[in-house]
């Protein structure tokens, strides 16, 4: 019984390794293996050939109509390529190739040279719907842990009769581009956010809620960007570029990046200009913040556009893949460096001093490892910010140090240290790339199920999912960092006053609700203040009073062990020098490698 079971279990193995359709080595029949390539060439490998390589080359050129290039040959094998046998369509589509593979002359030449028969095996990803006479489809299964199935098309010629010759096999390669599919996404991305921004601005001016209207800006821009990434097909970009016959590969890459990045960047510029007047106090500040936002967005979208446009043209330009990723990475770094130079006039590493000692003590109390302290020289008063990098560096802007009293600055530093301790850094980029990787296959699956247009409305799912996930997680992180700051400093009123002062400097609303509260990365200041007050026993009336007037903190009794509220930390001594400690080359190096 056991031997019988073993034979039954081993039967599939014998079936996988034995190919009864292949001729034996003693059979004088010739074998032709045909593989269409992504760049329009057709690879032909002849085994068991008794014909001279020169005769095969002459047959390919004169009778088959292909530009033959021999790669190798030995006693009975000839390997070569019919260059550009698959050509683009009449419209000049650069991403699509089609052609009729005529193998009858080659079969006749091999039979005339002494082959008793000719067996052809052709691989085609897009075969004709009805196979030509005599062609059969075969499926080859590969065993192992990851099993797969490969489809081949075979023809067997056993006689020299004309009817036993292979008919032409029509092959298509790549995907036909449809530049018309770009029209709807282009119109929606260019004009949809702009119209929404105009509507929000008018409503804000009419209702006196301009600052609240500007809070929609993040949602509008994120939605427009992710919709564009999901709705635009790289082959359509490559097909549109192919109609201009740019020729040079570098020019093709640059044009693809520009064409891919221009619509979302233009949409961002228009929205920032329309709603920016409600957020800044001067035209100079508004223009500068617009350029800075464009540089930050371009650091993502321009390299991504270069990569995707090259991937769309890979069928016809395979050599571009060699330089695609390094070029995209260097372009990303260059744009990040430009954004840093646009924002900063000097980058100072804080040496030994009162501010460094205080930041180190706060980070130690938070349980975070602080690897560096930097102060950024900003050019505009609106650039008041603090942030932590994944490498354990806390960065303060010059305006923040100059405009926040000691207790409030301690609270901000403790908030950033709380982010480091809670490992909150990088959640947005993680979710963004997860959406980018999984949205396209998910869209393709849903489109095939519900039979809806590829660009609408399924492409909107990515922006919605991304915004909701990032907003939910980021708001929880902000609440957590606020509570950590109050616990580290033992001064919850300073945390409340710091939030209130930052809101006043940035001219941002104190409260927002409804859908705005679900899509923004930061909770409303009033919710954050009341959350800190509830956790640490601060009366709600006192918290709201500090929110309305953070200067009340200076008149209150200083918390035990806290620094006086009415004093400010001095700027690092390095700011008194004529030149920054970091030279321009140092600023470039920091922006290049730290980001």
Protein backbone atom coordinates (compact mmCIF):
# COMPACT_ATOMS: atom_id res chain seq x y z
CA UNK A 1 0.00 0.00 0.00
CA UNK A 2 2.76 2.46 0.90
CA UNK A 3 4.64 2.01 -2.43
CA UNK A 4 1.38 2.67 -4.27
CA UNK A 5 0.79 5.87 -2.31
CA UNK A 6 4.35 7.02 -3.02
CA UNK A 7 3.87 6.45 -6.75
CA UNK A 8 0.61 8.41 -6.70
CA UNK A 9 2.22 11.29 -4.79
CA UNK A 10 5.22 11.37 -7.14
CA UNK A 11 3.13 11.36 -10.32
CA UNK A 12 2.81 15.20 -10.52
CA UNK A 13 6.59 15.52 -10.24
CA UNK A 14 7.15 13.27 -13.25
CA UNK A 15 4.51 15.24 -15.15
CA UNK A 16 6.31 18.53 -14.48
CA UNK A 17 9.82 17.48 -15.48
CA UNK A 18 8.87 15.46 -18.57
CA UNK A 19 8.01 17.37 -21.77
CA UNK A 20 6.57 14.82 -24.19
CA UNK A 21 5.87 17.50 -26.78
CA UNK A 22 9.55 18.29 -27.28
CA UNK A 23 11.42 16.29 -29.89
CA UNK A 24 14.25 14.06 -28.81
CA UNK A 25 17.87 14.97 -29.44
CA UNK A 26 18.06 12.29 -32.17
CA UNK A 27 15.16 13.89 -34.09
CA UNK A 28 16.56 15.92 -37.06
CA UNK A 29 13.65 18.38 -36.77
CA UNK A 30 14.64 22.01 -36.22
CA UNK A 31 13.17 24.13 -33.43
CA UNK A 32 12.48 27.87 -33.55
CA UNK A 33 11.88 29.88 -30.36
CA UNK A 34 10.39 33.34 -31.00
CA UNK A 35 10.14 36.03 -28.30
CA UNK A 36 8.88 39.58 -28.98
CA UNK A 37 10.85 42.11 -26.91
CA UNK A 38 9.63 45.25 -25.16
CA UNK A 39 11.53 47.60 -27.50
CA UNK A 40 9.94 46.24 -30.70
CA UNK A 41 12.66 43.72 -31.56
CA UNK A 42 11.88 40.02 -32.01
CA UNK A 43 14.34 37.46 -30.63
CA UNK A 44 14.71 34.29 -32.74
CA UNK A 45 16.64 31.24 -31.50
CA UNK A 46 17.06 28.35 -33.95
CA UNK A 47 18.16 24.93 -32.64
CA UNK A 48 18.99 21.91 -34.77
CA UNK A 49 19.65 24.07 -37.80
CA UNK A 50 21.54 22.62 -40.76
CA UNK A 51 21.38 25.90 -42.66
CA UNK A 52 24.37 28.23 -42.82
CA UNK A 53 24.09 31.44 -40.72
CA UNK A 54 24.59 33.52 -43.87
CA UNK A 55 21.63 31.78 -45.53
CA UNK A 56 19.43 32.42 -42.49
CA UNK A 57 20.45 36.08 -42.50
CA UNK A 58 19.67 36.41 -46.22
CA UNK A 59 16.26 34.80 -45.73
CA UNK A 60 15.43 37.12 -42.83
CA UNK A 61 16.39 40.22 -44.77
CA UNK A 62 15.00 39.39 -48.21
CA UNK A 63 11.98 37.15 -47.54
CA UNK A 64 10.88 37.98 -43.99
CA UNK A 65 11.34 41.73 -44.24
CA UNK A 66 13.29 42.17 -41.01
CA UNK A 67 16.59 43.80 -40.17
CA UNK A 68 18.54 40.74 -38.99
CA UNK A 69 21.33 41.03 -36.44
CA UNK A 70 23.09 37.83 -35.48
CA UNK A 71 24.02 37.49 -31.81
CA UNK A 72 25.69 34.08 -31.75
CA UNK A 73 25.92 30.76 -33.55
CA UNK A 74 27.60 27.37 -33.19
CA UNK A 75 27.42 24.03 -34.97
CA UNK A 76 23.63 23.68 -35.01
CA UNK A 77 22.31 26.82 -33.25
CA UNK A 78 21.71 30.32 -34.59
CA UNK A 79 20.60 33.16 -32.35
CA UNK A 80 19.67 36.57 -33.64
CA UNK A 81 17.25 39.49 -33.50
CA UNK A 82 14.90 41.03 -36.04
CA UNK A 83 15.29 44.68 -35.07
CA UNK A 84 12.17 46.84 -34.85
CA UNK A 85 9.98 44.19 -36.43
CA UNK A 86 7.15 45.42 -34.20
CA UNK A 87 6.54 49.04 -35.09
CA UNK A 88 4.26 51.70 -33.65
CA UNK A 89 0.83 52.32 -35.06
CA UNK A 90 0.02 54.88 -37.72
CA UNK A 91 -0.55 57.57 -35.10
CA UNK A 92 3.05 57.33 -33.91
CA UNK A 93 2.26 55.81 -30.54
CA UNK A 94 5.55 55.53 -28.67
CA UNK A 95 4.25 53.00 -26.14
CA UNK A 96 2.64 50.48 -28.47
CA UNK A 97 4.04 48.13 -31.07
CA UNK A 98 2.41 45.76 -33.51
CA UNK A 99 3.61 43.58 -36.33
CA UNK A 100 3.04 40.46 -38.37
CA UNK A 101 5.64 37.78 -37.71
CA UNK A 102 6.24 35.92 -40.98
CA UNK A 103 8.07 32.67 -40.29
CA UNK A 104 7.15 30.66 -43.41
CA UNK A 105 10.31 31.70 -45.38
CA UNK A 106 12.52 30.67 -42.47
CA UNK A 107 10.74 27.29 -42.19
CA UNK A 108 11.18 26.70 -45.93
CA UNK A 109 14.90 27.53 -45.68
CA UNK A 110 15.41 25.12 -42.78
CA UNK A 111 13.55 22.31 -44.53
CA UNK A 112 15.53 22.90 -47.73
CA UNK A 113 18.73 22.58 -45.67
CA UNK A 114 17.74 19.10 -44.48
CA UNK A 115 15.39 19.47 -41.50
CA UNK A 116 12.74 16.75 -41.45
CA UNK A 117 10.34 19.09 -39.70
CA UNK A 118 10.22 22.43 -37.92
CA UNK A 119 8.63 23.05 -34.51
CA UNK A 120 7.90 26.67 -33.58
CA UNK A 121 7.27 28.00 -30.10
CA UNK A 122 6.24 31.66 -29.88
CA UNK A 123 5.59 33.70 -26.75
CA UNK A 124 3.11 36.58 -27.02
CA UNK A 125 1.49 38.58 -24.22
CA UNK A 126 -1.28 39.83 -26.55
CA UNK A 127 -2.12 37.16 -29.12
CA UNK A 128 -4.83 37.68 -31.74
CA UNK A 129 -8.36 36.82 -30.59
CA UNK A 130 -8.59 34.03 -33.21
CA UNK A 131 -5.44 31.99 -33.72
CA UNK A 132 -4.27 31.55 -37.32
CA UNK A 133 -4.61 28.17 -38.99
CA UNK A 134 -2.38 25.50 -37.45
CA UNK A 135 -1.30 27.50 -34.39
CA UNK A 136 -2.10 26.01 -30.99
CA UNK A 137 -1.90 27.39 -27.48
CA UNK A 138 0.05 25.45 -24.87
CA UNK A 139 0.32 26.11 -21.15
CA UNK A 140 3.50 25.24 -19.30
CA UNK A 141 3.30 25.01 -15.52
CA UNK A 142 6.34 25.58 -13.35
CA UNK A 143 6.40 23.72 -10.07
CA UNK A 144 7.97 24.66 -6.77
CA UNK A 145 6.79 26.85 -3.94
CA UNK A 146 5.70 29.68 -6.28
CA UNK A 147 3.92 27.93 -9.13
CA UNK A 148 3.13 29.82 -12.31
CA UNK A 149 1.65 29.25 -15.74
CA UNK A 150 3.17 30.44 -19.01
CA UNK A 151 1.29 30.49 -22.30
CA UNK A 152 3.05 29.61 -25.56
CA UNK A 153 1.81 29.31 -29.11
CA UNK A 154 3.16 26.45 -31.19
CA UNK A 155 3.16 25.37 -34.82
CA UNK A 156 4.55 22.14 -36.25
CA UNK A 157 5.56 21.82 -39.88
CA UNK A 158 6.03 18.16 -40.90
CA UNK A 159 6.13 18.50 -44.69
CA UNK A 160 7.29 20.92 -47.35
CA UNK A 161 3.73 21.41 -48.59
CA UNK A 162 2.56 25.02 -48.73
CA UNK A 163 -0.41 24.29 -46.48
CA UNK A 164 2.01 23.02 -43.83
CA UNK A 165 3.75 26.39 -43.59
CA UNK A 166 2.98 28.70 -40.62
CA UNK A 167 0.61 31.58 -41.39
CA UNK A 168 1.56 35.05 -40.23
CA UNK A 169 1.12 35.59 -36.48
CA UNK A 170 0.03 39.11 -35.51
CA UNK A 171 1.65 40.30 -32.28
CA UNK A 172 1.04 43.45 -30.25
CA UNK A 173 3.41 44.63 -27.57
CA UNK A 174 2.96 47.26 -24.88
CA UNK A 175 -0.14 49.32 -24.14
CA UNK A 176 -1.75 51.70 -26.56
CA UNK A 177 -1.65 55.20 -25.14
CA UNK A 178 -4.74 57.41 -25.08
CA UNK A 179 -3.72 61.05 -24.49
CA UNK A 180 -7.42 61.93 -24.46
CA UNK A 181 -7.60 60.26 -21.03
CA UNK A 182 -5.50 63.15 -19.73
CA UNK A 183 -8.18 65.74 -20.48
CA UNK A 184 -10.55 65.02 -17.59
CA UNK A 185 -7.84 64.74 -14.87
CA UNK A 186 -6.11 67.85 -16.24
CA UNK A 187 -9.30 69.94 -16.09
CA UNK A 188 -10.23 68.66 -12.63
CA UNK A 189 -6.76 69.23 -11.15
CA UNK A 190 -6.19 72.64 -12.72
CA UNK A 191 -9.61 74.20 -12.18
CA UNK A 192 -11.34 72.15 -9.48
CA UNK A 193 -9.13 73.25 -6.55
CA UNK A 194 -9.06 76.83 -7.84
CA UNK A 195 -12.87 77.02 -7.94
CA UNK A 196 -13.11 75.50 -4.47
CA UNK A 197 -10.59 78.02 -3.15
CA UNK A 198 -12.55 80.91 -4.67
CA UNK A 199 -15.77 79.63 -3.13
CA UNK A 200 -14.15 79.23 0.28
CA UNK A 201 -12.65 82.70 0.13
CA UNK A 202 -15.96 84.29 -0.77
CA UNK A 203 -17.74 82.40 1.98
CA UNK A 204 -15.03 83.35 4.45
CA UNK A 205 -15.22 87.02 3.55
CA UNK A 206 -19.02 86.97 3.72
CA UNK A 207 -19.20 85.14 7.06
CA UNK A 208 -16.07 86.62 8.59
CA UNK A 209 -14.44 83.20 8.81
CA UNK A 210 -11.53 83.64 6.44
CA UNK A 211 -9.07 81.89 8.72
CA UNK A 212 -11.32 78.88 9.05
CA UNK A 213 -11.72 78.70 5.27
CA UNK A 214 -7.97 78.57 4.84
CA UNK A 215 -7.87 75.39 6.92
CA UNK A 216 -9.36 73.59 3.93
CA UNK A 217 -6.21 74.29 1.97
CA UNK A 218 -4.36 71.15 3.06
CA UNK A 219 -7.31 68.94 2.14
CA UNK A 220 -7.76 70.51 -1.29
CA UNK A 221 -4.10 70.25 -2.24
CA UNK A 222 -3.59 66.70 -0.94
CA UNK A 223 -6.73 65.56 -2.71
CA UNK A 224 -5.72 67.16 -6.01
CA UNK A 225 -2.23 65.65 -5.87
CA UNK A 226 -3.31 62.12 -5.05
CA UNK A 227 -6.13 62.22 -7.58
CA UNK A 228 -3.63 63.25 -10.27
CA UNK A 229 -1.23 60.45 -9.32
CA UNK A 230 -4.02 57.88 -9.42
CA UNK A 231 -5.83 59.07 -12.54
CA UNK A 232 -2.94 59.73 -14.90
CA UNK A 233 -1.52 56.76 -16.81
CA UNK A 234 2.26 56.89 -17.41
CA UNK A 235 1.75 55.41 -20.88
CA UNK A 236 -0.46 58.36 -21.78
CA UNK A 237 2.28 60.79 -20.74
CA UNK A 238 4.85 58.82 -22.74
CA UNK A 239 2.50 58.57 -25.71
CA UNK A 240 1.92 62.32 -25.71
CA UNK A 241 5.65 62.99 -25.54
CA UNK A 242 6.22 60.55 -28.39
CA UNK A 243 4.13 62.69 -30.71
CA UNK A 244 6.65 65.54 -30.37
CA UNK A 245 9.59 63.34 -31.51
CA UNK A 246 11.99 64.82 -28.97
CA UNK A 247 14.66 62.28 -29.81
CA UNK A 248 17.25 62.92 -27.09
CA UNK A 249 16.74 60.71 -24.04
CA UNK A 250 17.63 63.43 -21.54
CA UNK A 251 15.16 65.79 -23.17
CA UNK A 252 12.50 63.08 -23.02
CA UNK A 253 13.07 62.57 -19.30
CA UNK A 254 12.93 66.30 -18.49
CA UNK A 255 9.83 66.86 -20.62
CA UNK A 256 8.08 63.95 -18.91
CA UNK A 257 8.88 65.28 -15.44
CA UNK A 258 7.63 68.77 -16.36
CA UNK A 259 4.46 67.51 -18.01
CA UNK A 260 3.67 65.29 -15.04
CA UNK A 261 4.42 67.89 -12.36
CA UNK A 262 3.07 71.10 -13.91
CA UNK A 263 -0.71 70.57 -13.33
CA UNK A 264 -0.60 69.81 -9.56
CA UNK A 265 2.01 72.51 -8.96
CA UNK A 266 -0.02 75.04 -10.90
CA UNK A 267 -3.10 74.06 -8.93
CA UNK A 268 -1.19 74.54 -5.68
CA UNK A 269 0.06 77.97 -6.70
CA UNK A 270 -3.43 79.18 -7.59
CA UNK A 271 -4.96 77.89 -4.33
CA UNK A 272 -2.20 79.40 -2.21
CA UNK A 273 -2.57 82.74 -3.96
CA UNK A 274 -6.34 82.79 -3.54
CA UNK A 275 -6.44 81.68 0.10
CA UNK A 276 -3.03 83.01 1.09
CA UNK A 277 -4.39 86.49 1.73
CA UNK A 278 -6.29 85.15 4.71
CA UNK A 279 -3.17 83.66 6.25
CA UNK A 280 -0.38 86.21 5.77
CA UNK A 281 -0.08 89.88 6.55
CA UNK A 282 1.97 91.05 3.57
CA UNK A 283 2.25 90.32 -0.15
CA UNK A 284 5.97 89.63 0.34
CA UNK A 285 5.27 86.95 2.93
CA UNK A 286 2.52 85.44 0.80
CA UNK A 287 4.71 85.22 -2.28
CA UNK A 288 7.59 83.76 -0.34
CA UNK A 289 5.46 81.12 1.33
CA UNK A 290 3.99 80.16 -2.05
CA UNK A 291 7.44 79.62 -3.52
CA UNK A 292 8.49 77.64 -0.47
CA UNK A 293 5.40 75.41 -0.64
CA UNK A 294 5.94 74.84 -4.36
CA UNK A 295 9.55 73.84 -3.75
CA UNK A 296 8.54 71.38 -1.04
CA UNK A 297 5.85 69.84 -3.25
CA UNK A 298 8.09 69.78 -6.32
CA UNK A 299 10.65 67.74 -4.39
CA UNK A 300 8.12 64.89 -4.49
CA UNK A 301 6.15 65.32 -7.68
CA UNK A 302 8.94 66.23 -10.12
CA UNK A 303 11.18 63.18 -9.46
CA UNK A 304 8.09 60.98 -9.35
CA UNK A 305 6.98 62.41 -12.68
CA UNK A 306 10.38 61.69 -14.18
CA UNK A 307 10.27 58.10 -12.94
CA UNK A 308 6.72 57.38 -14.09
CA UNK A 309 7.12 59.00 -17.50
CA UNK A 310 10.24 56.91 -18.13
CA UNK A 311 8.42 53.78 -17.00
CA UNK A 312 5.66 54.56 -19.46
CA UNK A 313 8.20 54.81 -22.31
CA UNK A 314 10.16 51.74 -21.24
CA UNK A 315 8.77 49.62 -24.04
CA UNK A 316 10.47 51.83 -26.61
CA UNK A 317 13.32 53.30 -24.56
CA UNK A 318 14.65 50.47 -22.33
CA UNK A 319 18.03 52.17 -21.86
CA UNK A 320 16.32 54.95 -19.90
CA UNK A 321 15.72 52.58 -16.98
CA UNK A 322 19.45 52.50 -16.27
CA UNK A 323 19.59 56.19 -15.39
CA UNK A 324 15.99 56.69 -14.28
CA UNK A 325 16.28 56.01 -10.55
CA UNK A 326 19.64 57.78 -9.99
CA UNK A 327 18.39 60.79 -11.94
CA UNK A 328 15.15 60.93 -9.94
CA UNK A 329 17.06 60.72 -6.65
CA UNK A 330 19.51 63.46 -7.57
CA UNK A 331 16.66 65.66 -8.78
CA UNK A 332 14.87 65.13 -5.46
CA UNK A 333 17.95 66.15 -3.53
CA UNK A 334 18.55 69.20 -5.72
CA UNK A 335 15.00 70.49 -5.25
CA UNK A 336 15.18 69.87 -1.50
CA UNK A 337 18.39 71.87 -1.37
CA UNK A 338 16.75 74.70 -3.31
CA UNK A 339 13.82 74.72 -0.88
CA UNK A 340 16.19 74.91 2.06
CA UNK A 341 18.09 77.80 0.50
CA UNK A 342 14.82 79.55 -0.26
CA UNK A 343 13.66 79.27 3.33
CA UNK A 344 16.89 79.94 5.20
CA UNK A 345 19.51 82.64 5.16
CA UNK A 346 21.75 80.76 7.60
CA UNK A 347 21.78 77.55 9.58
CA UNK A 348 23.35 77.76 13.00
CA UNK A 349 24.33 74.82 15.10
CA UNK A 350 23.80 75.84 18.70
CA UNK A 351 26.96 75.47 20.74
CA UNK A 352 27.31 75.41 24.49
CA UNK A 353 24.94 77.90 26.05
CA UNK A 354 21.78 78.39 28.04
CA UNK A 355 19.42 77.33 25.25
CA UNK A 356 21.41 74.18 24.48
CA UNK A 357 21.55 73.19 28.14
CA UNK A 358 17.82 73.69 28.55
CA UNK A 359 16.94 71.71 25.41
CA UNK A 360 19.25 68.88 26.46
CA UNK A 361 17.65 68.74 29.92
CA UNK A 362 14.14 68.67 28.46
CA UNK A 363 15.04 65.92 26.00
CA UNK A 364 16.63 63.89 28.81
CA UNK A 365 13.48 64.28 30.92
CA UNK A 366 11.42 63.10 27.95
CA UNK A 367 13.57 60.02 27.48
CA UNK A 368 14.58 61.10 23.96
CA UNK A 369 18.12 60.98 22.65
CA UNK A 370 19.00 64.44 21.34
CA UNK A 371 21.76 64.37 18.73
CA UNK A 372 21.77 68.02 17.74
CA UNK A 373 20.21 71.44 18.23
CA UNK A 374 19.82 73.92 15.38
CA UNK A 375 18.41 77.40 15.03
CA UNK A 376 17.31 78.50 11.55
CA UNK A 377 17.66 82.09 10.45
CA UNK A 378 14.33 82.94 8.87
CA UNK A 379 13.65 85.91 6.63
CA UNK A 380 9.98 86.45 7.43
CA UNK A 381 8.22 86.99 10.73
CA UNK A 382 5.62 84.37 9.78
CA UNK A 383 8.27 81.63 9.78
CA UNK A 384 7.79 80.71 13.44
CA UNK A 385 8.11 76.98 13.82
CA UNK A 386 9.84 74.07 15.50
CA UNK A 387 10.21 70.53 14.28
CA UNK A 388 12.08 67.35 15.00
CA UNK A 389 13.87 65.19 12.46
CA UNK A 390 13.95 61.40 12.48
CA UNK A 391 17.66 61.56 13.33
CA UNK A 392 17.04 63.02 16.77
CA UNK A 393 17.59 66.70 15.92
CA UNK A 394 15.33 69.49 17.20
CA UNK A 395 15.25 72.60 15.03
CA UNK A 396 13.88 75.99 16.07
CA UNK A 397 13.42 79.02 13.88
CA UNK A 398 14.96 82.31 14.90
CA UNK A 399 11.51 83.90 15.05
CA UNK A 400 10.34 81.28 17.54
CA UNK A 401 13.24 81.94 19.93
CA UNK A 402 12.75 85.70 19.67
CA UNK A 403 8.97 85.77 20.09
CA UNK A 404 8.16 83.09 22.68
CA UNK A 405 8.93 83.63 26.38
CA UNK A 406 11.01 81.04 28.18
CA UNK A 407 8.19 79.01 29.69
CA UNK A 408 6.35 78.83 26.40
CA UNK A 409 9.50 77.97 24.44
CA UNK A 410 10.22 75.21 26.97
CA UNK A 411 6.75 73.84 26.25
CA UNK A 412 7.38 73.86 22.49
CA UNK A 413 10.75 72.13 22.92
CA UNK A 414 9.12 69.53 25.17
CA UNK A 415 6.41 69.02 22.54
CA UNK A 416 9.04 68.21 19.88
CA UNK A 417 10.89 65.98 22.33
CA UNK A 418 7.58 64.19 22.89
CA UNK A 419 7.37 63.54 19.16
CA UNK A 420 10.86 62.03 19.26
CA UNK A 421 10.05 59.89 22.28
CA UNK A 422 6.76 58.72 20.77
CA UNK A 423 8.38 58.06 17.35
CA UNK A 424 5.75 60.08 15.54
CA UNK A 425 8.03 61.27 12.75
CA UNK A 426 7.43 60.08 9.20
CA UNK A 427 3.82 58.87 9.42
CA UNK A 428 2.66 61.05 6.50
CA UNK A 429 5.28 59.82 4.06
CA UNK A 430 4.67 56.20 5.11
CA UNK A 431 0.94 56.41 4.48
CA UNK A 432 1.47 58.38 1.26
CA UNK A 433 3.72 55.75 -0.31
CA UNK A 434 1.48 52.94 0.91
CA UNK A 435 -1.45 54.56 -0.90
CA UNK A 436 0.66 55.08 -4.03
CA UNK A 437 1.75 51.41 -4.09
CA UNK A 438 -1.64 49.84 -3.43
CA UNK A 439 -4.11 52.24 -5.00
CA UNK A 440 -3.37 51.49 -8.65
CA UNK A 441 -3.86 47.68 -8.42
CA UNK A 442 -6.91 48.20 -6.23
CA UNK A 443 -8.36 50.64 -8.77
CA UNK A 444 -7.72 48.20 -11.61
CA UNK A 445 -9.49 45.42 -9.71
CA UNK A 446 -12.51 47.55 -8.83
CA UNK A 447 -12.74 48.97 -12.36
CA UNK A 448 -12.85 45.47 -13.81
CA UNK A 449 -15.62 44.52 -11.37
CA UNK A 450 -17.91 47.54 -11.66
CA UNK A 451 -17.02 48.55 -15.26
CA UNK A 452 -16.65 52.28 -14.52
CA UNK A 453 -14.32 54.76 -16.25
CA UNK A 454 -10.73 54.39 -15.08
CA UNK A 455 -10.39 58.03 -14.01
CA UNK A 456 -13.65 58.48 -12.11
CA UNK A 457 -14.77 58.05 -9.36
CA UNK A 458 -12.46 55.31 -8.07
CA UNK A 459 -9.39 57.56 -8.38
CA UNK A 460 -10.86 59.72 -5.62
CA UNK A 461 -10.64 56.89 -3.09
CA UNK A 462 -6.88 57.34 -2.68
CA UNK A 463 -7.03 61.00 -1.64
CA UNK A 464 -9.92 60.36 0.74
CA UNK A 465 -8.27 57.36 2.40
CA UNK A 466 -4.90 59.09 2.65
CA UNK A 467 -6.35 62.27 4.15
CA UNK A 468 -8.51 60.49 6.70
CA UNK A 469 -5.76 58.12 7.86
CA UNK A 470 -3.08 60.81 8.11
CA UNK A 471 -5.43 63.24 9.84
CA UNK A 472 -6.55 60.65 12.37
CA UNK A 473 -3.06 59.46 13.25
CA UNK A 474 -1.46 62.92 13.19
CA UNK A 475 -4.11 64.40 15.48
CA UNK A 476 -3.55 61.61 17.99
CA UNK A 477 0.18 62.28 17.85
CA UNK A 478 -0.35 66.00 18.45
CA UNK A 479 -2.56 65.34 21.48
CA UNK A 480 0.02 62.89 22.79
CA UNK A 481 2.91 65.35 22.30
CA UNK A 482 0.96 68.09 24.11
CA UNK A 483 0.37 65.86 27.11
CA UNK A 484 4.00 64.74 27.12
CA UNK A 485 5.12 68.39 27.06
CA UNK A 486 2.94 69.27 30.04
CA UNK A 487 4.20 66.22 31.93
CA UNK A 488 7.86 66.92 31.12
CA UNK A 489 7.78 70.61 32.05
CA UNK A 490 5.23 70.20 34.87
CA UNK A 491 3.78 73.43 33.54
CA UNK A 492 0.50 72.76 31.66
CA UNK A 493 -0.40 76.46 31.58
CA UNK A 494 2.79 77.16 29.61
CA UNK A 495 1.76 74.55 27.06
CA UNK A 496 -1.64 76.23 26.74
CA UNK A 497 -0.11 79.69 26.42
CA UNK A 498 2.41 78.49 23.81
CA UNK A 499 -0.38 77.02 21.66
CA UNK A 500 -2.33 80.26 21.98
CA UNK A 501 0.65 82.45 21.05
CA UNK A 502 1.53 80.33 18.01
CA UNK A 503 -2.06 80.57 16.83
CA UNK A 504 -1.95 84.35 17.23
CA UNK A 505 1.38 84.73 15.37
CA UNK A 506 0.27 82.49 12.51
CA UNK A 507 -3.17 84.11 12.36
CA UNK A 508 -4.86 80.70 12.45
CA UNK A 509 -8.34 79.97 13.87
CA UNK A 510 -8.73 78.67 17.39
CA UNK A 511 -11.48 76.22 16.63
CA UNK A 512 -12.90 74.32 13.68
CA UNK A 513 -15.33 71.50 13.52
CA UNK A 514 -17.33 69.38 11.14
CA UNK A 515 -15.45 67.79 8.29
CA UNK A 516 -12.53 70.20 8.77
CA UNK A 517 -11.81 68.59 12.10
CA UNK A 518 -11.60 65.20 10.38
CA UNK A 519 -9.23 66.07 7.55
CA UNK A 520 -6.62 68.38 9.11
CA UNK A 521 -3.38 67.02 10.54
CA UNK A 522 -3.54 69.21 13.67
CA UNK A 523 -6.53 69.34 16.02
CA UNK A 524 -8.18 72.67 16.73
CA UNK A 525 -6.24 74.75 19.25
CA UNK A 526 -9.25 74.92 21.55
CA UNK A 527 -9.55 71.12 21.65
CA UNK A 528 -5.83 70.77 22.36
CA UNK A 529 -5.96 73.36 25.13
CA UNK A 530 -8.99 71.79 26.81
CA UNK A 531 -7.42 68.30 26.55
CA UNK A 532 -4.33 69.50 28.43
CA UNK A 533 -6.49 71.33 30.97
CA UNK A 534 -8.62 68.26 31.71
CA UNK A 535 -5.64 65.95 32.10
CA UNK A 536 -3.72 68.23 34.50
CA UNK A 537 -6.52 69.84 36.47
CA UNK A 538 -6.46 73.33 34.97
CA UNK A 539 -9.94 74.93 35.17
CA UNK A 540 -11.56 75.27 31.76
CA UNK A 541 -12.20 78.99 32.36
CA UNK A 542 -8.50 79.56 33.02
CA UNK A 543 -7.49 77.55 29.95
CA UNK A 544 -9.84 79.49 27.66
CA UNK A 545 -8.64 82.77 29.14
CA UNK A 546 -5.02 81.85 28.33
CA UNK A 547 -6.12 80.81 24.88
CA UNK A 548 -7.66 84.23 24.31
CA UNK A 549 -4.71 86.13 25.85
CA UNK A 550 -1.45 84.18 26.38
CA UNK A 551 0.12 87.25 28.05
CA UNK A 552 -1.90 86.36 31.17
CA UNK A 553 0.73 83.69 31.84
CA UNK A 554 3.34 86.37 32.66
CA UNK A 555 1.14 87.71 35.43
CA UNK A 556 0.59 84.28 36.97
CA UNK A 557 2.69 82.66 39.63
CA UNK A 558 5.68 80.86 38.15
CA UNK A 559 5.41 77.11 38.34
CA UNK A 560 7.70 75.33 40.75
CA UNK A 561 11.12 74.99 39.21
CA UNK A 562 10.15 76.84 36.02
CA UNK A 563 11.95 79.82 34.57
CA UNK A 564 10.29 83.27 34.78
CA UNK A 565 7.62 83.71 32.14
CA UNK A 566 8.51 87.28 31.18
CA UNK A 567 12.06 86.61 30.01
CA UNK A 568 13.35 85.27 26.70
CA UNK A 569 16.21 82.98 25.86
CA UNK A 570 19.05 84.81 24.21
CA UNK A 571 19.91 83.80 20.67
CA UNK A 572 23.06 81.70 20.35
CA UNK A 573 26.29 83.67 20.32
CA UNK A 574 26.86 82.54 16.75
CA UNK A 575 24.07 84.87 15.58
CA UNK A 576 26.17 87.86 16.59
CA UNK A 577 28.84 87.02 14.03
CA UNK A 578 28.83 88.55 10.59
CA UNK A 579 28.91 85.15 8.93
CA UNK A 580 26.96 82.04 9.96
CA UNK A 581 28.85 79.17 11.50
CA UNK A 582 27.69 76.99 8.60
CA UNK A 583 29.01 78.29 5.29
CA UNK A 584 26.74 78.14 2.21
CA UNK A 585 28.40 74.84 1.39
CA UNK A 586 27.47 73.61 4.85
CA UNK A 587 23.86 74.65 4.37
CA UNK A 588 23.78 72.77 1.06
CA UNK A 589 25.28 69.67 2.62
CA UNK A 590 22.78 69.76 5.50
CA UNK A 591 19.79 70.19 3.19
CA UNK A 592 21.12 67.46 0.88
CA UNK A 593 21.78 64.70 3.38
CA UNK A 594 19.54 65.50 6.36
CA UNK A 595 16.28 65.49 4.38
